Amino acid sequence: CTLDSEVALRVGGDFFFDPQPGDSPVNLVLIAGGVGINPLFSILLHIADLHGYQEGKGNRHKLGTAKLYYSAKNTSELLFKKNILGLMKAFPGKISCCFHVTQQRSQICKELQPHVTGK
């Protein structure tokens, strides 16, 4: 987002991301904490499926980018972290993530270091 950008925010409840082939592309910012990652991880998998299908078959979906901000006490409590890193590698520039830890006491593994902020 840039200054004065319009954004839509949704908290809780039933939510989903189901773009249709003729829809304009949107850039998603997904924000999760702890186990709240579950529905957002499903959205990321759906986006990855659409990107993969788009690259392989040339479908008509116009997809923007997806940026995930995900917070937990420490890196061991970041669910699906290896899967998320895999999605970022598979779709660079299309899917990205920033992990935030609040109470990390141990060394952060090298694979996660570039994507982790916090203590």
Protein backbone atom coordinates (compact mmCIF):
# COMPACT_ATOMS: atom_id res chain seq x y z
CA CYS A 1 0.00 0.00 0.00
CA THR A 2 1.02 3.56 -0.47
CA LEU A 3 -0.08 6.68 1.33
CA ASP A 4 -3.79 7.31 0.72
CA SER A 5 -4.37 3.80 -0.69
CA GLU A 6 -7.80 2.34 -0.13
CA VAL A 7 -7.78 -0.97 1.73
CA ALA A 8 -10.49 -3.33 2.92
CA LEU A 9 -10.11 -5.05 6.28
CA ARG A 10 -11.98 -8.04 7.56
CA VAL A 11 -11.66 -9.54 11.04
CA GLY A 12 -13.11 -12.86 12.12
CA GLY A 13 -16.16 -14.65 10.82
CA ASP A 14 -16.53 -16.63 7.61
CA PHE A 15 -14.22 -15.32 4.93
CA PHE A 16 -12.65 -16.58 1.74
CA PHE A 17 -10.82 -15.50 -1.39
CA ASP A 18 -12.41 -16.75 -4.58
CA PRO A 19 -11.45 -14.59 -7.56
CA GLN A 20 -13.30 -15.22 -10.78
CA PRO A 21 -11.58 -15.29 -14.19
CA GLY A 22 -12.84 -11.85 -15.26
CA ASP A 23 -12.10 -10.06 -11.97
CA SER A 24 -9.47 -7.34 -11.77
CA PRO A 25 -6.31 -8.43 -9.94
CA VAL A 26 -6.08 -7.54 -6.26
CA ASN A 27 -3.10 -7.46 -3.96
CA LEU A 28 -3.79 -9.24 -0.67
CA VAL A 29 -2.29 -8.45 2.72
CA LEU A 30 -3.03 -11.29 5.12
CA ILE A 31 -2.38 -10.80 8.85
CA ALA A 32 -2.38 -13.72 11.28
CA GLY A 33 -1.36 -14.50 14.83
CA GLY A 34 -0.82 -17.96 16.28
CA VAL A 35 -3.38 -20.54 15.18
CA GLY A 36 -5.25 -17.80 13.32
CA ILE A 37 -3.03 -18.79 10.38
CA ASN A 38 -5.28 -21.76 9.51
CA PRO A 39 -7.82 -20.04 7.22
CA LEU A 40 -5.18 -17.71 5.78
CA PHE A 41 -2.90 -20.62 4.95
CA SER A 42 -5.81 -22.14 3.00
CA ILE A 43 -6.12 -18.86 1.09
CA LEU A 44 -2.38 -18.94 0.33
CA LEU A 45 -2.67 -22.50 -0.97
CA HIS A 46 -5.58 -21.44 -3.18
CA ILE A 47 -3.55 -18.52 -4.54
CA ALA A 48 -0.63 -20.85 -5.21
CA ASP A 49 -2.94 -23.26 -7.03
CA LEU A 50 -4.26 -20.43 -9.19
CA HIS A 51 -0.73 -19.16 -9.93
CA GLY A 52 0.38 -22.70 -10.81
CA TYR A 53 -2.64 -23.25 -13.00
CA GLN A 54 -2.14 -19.86 -14.62
CA GLU A 55 1.48 -20.62 -15.47
CA GLY A 56 0.78 -24.16 -16.65
CA LYS A 57 -2.46 -23.74 -18.54
CA GLY A 58 -2.84 -20.05 -19.25
CA ASN A 59 -6.10 -19.58 -17.39
CA ARG A 60 -7.94 -16.27 -17.34
CA HIS A 61 -7.44 -15.42 -13.66
CA LYS A 62 -5.60 -12.15 -13.16
CA LEU A 63 -3.81 -12.43 -9.85
CA GLY A 64 -2.04 -9.78 -7.82
CA THR A 65 0.42 -10.41 -5.03
CA ALA A 66 -0.17 -11.94 -1.60
CA LYS A 67 1.81 -10.75 1.43
CA LEU A 68 1.43 -12.61 4.72
CA TYR A 69 2.32 -11.08 8.08
CA TYR A 70 2.35 -13.81 10.68
CA SER A 71 3.17 -13.42 14.38
CA ALA A 72 3.81 -15.91 17.19
CA LYS A 73 5.76 -16.08 20.45
CA ASN A 74 8.69 -17.85 18.80
CA THR A 75 9.58 -19.60 15.57
CA SER A 76 8.64 -23.02 16.93
CA GLU A 77 5.04 -21.77 17.24
CA LEU A 78 4.87 -20.59 13.61
CA LEU A 79 2.60 -23.19 12.03
CA PHE A 80 3.14 -24.18 8.38
CA LYS A 81 6.41 -22.16 8.23
CA LYS A 82 8.17 -24.67 5.97
CA ASN A 83 5.14 -24.82 3.67
CA ILE A 84 4.96 -21.01 3.55
CA LEU A 85 8.68 -20.79 2.72
CA GLY A 86 8.07 -23.34 -0.05
CA LEU A 87 5.27 -21.22 -1.52
CA MET A 88 7.51 -18.16 -1.44
CA LYS A 89 10.24 -20.07 -3.31
CA ALA A 90 7.78 -21.48 -5.83
CA PHE A 91 6.17 -18.10 -6.57
CA PRO A 92 8.79 -15.40 -5.95
CA GLY A 93 7.41 -11.89 -6.15
CA LYS A 94 3.86 -13.25 -6.04
CA ILE A 95 3.72 -14.74 -2.54
CA SER A 96 5.79 -13.31 0.31
CA CYS A 97 5.79 -13.49 4.08
CA CYS A 98 7.16 -11.65 7.08
CA PHE A 99 7.21 -13.63 10.31
CA HIS A 100 7.24 -11.70 13.60
CA VAL A 101 8.24 -13.29 16.89
CA THR A 102 7.71 -11.63 20.26
CA GLN A 103 9.52 -13.88 22.74
CA GLN A 104 12.25 -15.71 20.82
CA ARG A 105 14.97 -16.95 23.20
CA SER A 106 16.94 -19.24 20.91
CA GLN A 107 18.82 -18.75 17.65
CA ILE A 108 16.62 -18.45 14.56
CA CYS A 109 17.46 -20.97 11.83
CA LYS A 110 19.18 -19.52 8.75
CA GLU A 111 16.30 -20.41 6.45
CA LEU A 112 13.89 -18.24 8.47
CA GLN A 113 16.26 -15.39 9.41
CA PRO A 114 15.65 -13.19 6.35
CA HIS A 115 11.90 -13.34 6.96
CA VAL A 116 11.76 -12.86 10.77
CA THR A 117 11.45 -9.63 12.73
CA GLY A 118 11.06 -9.11 16.45
CA LYS A 119 13.07 -10.18 19.48
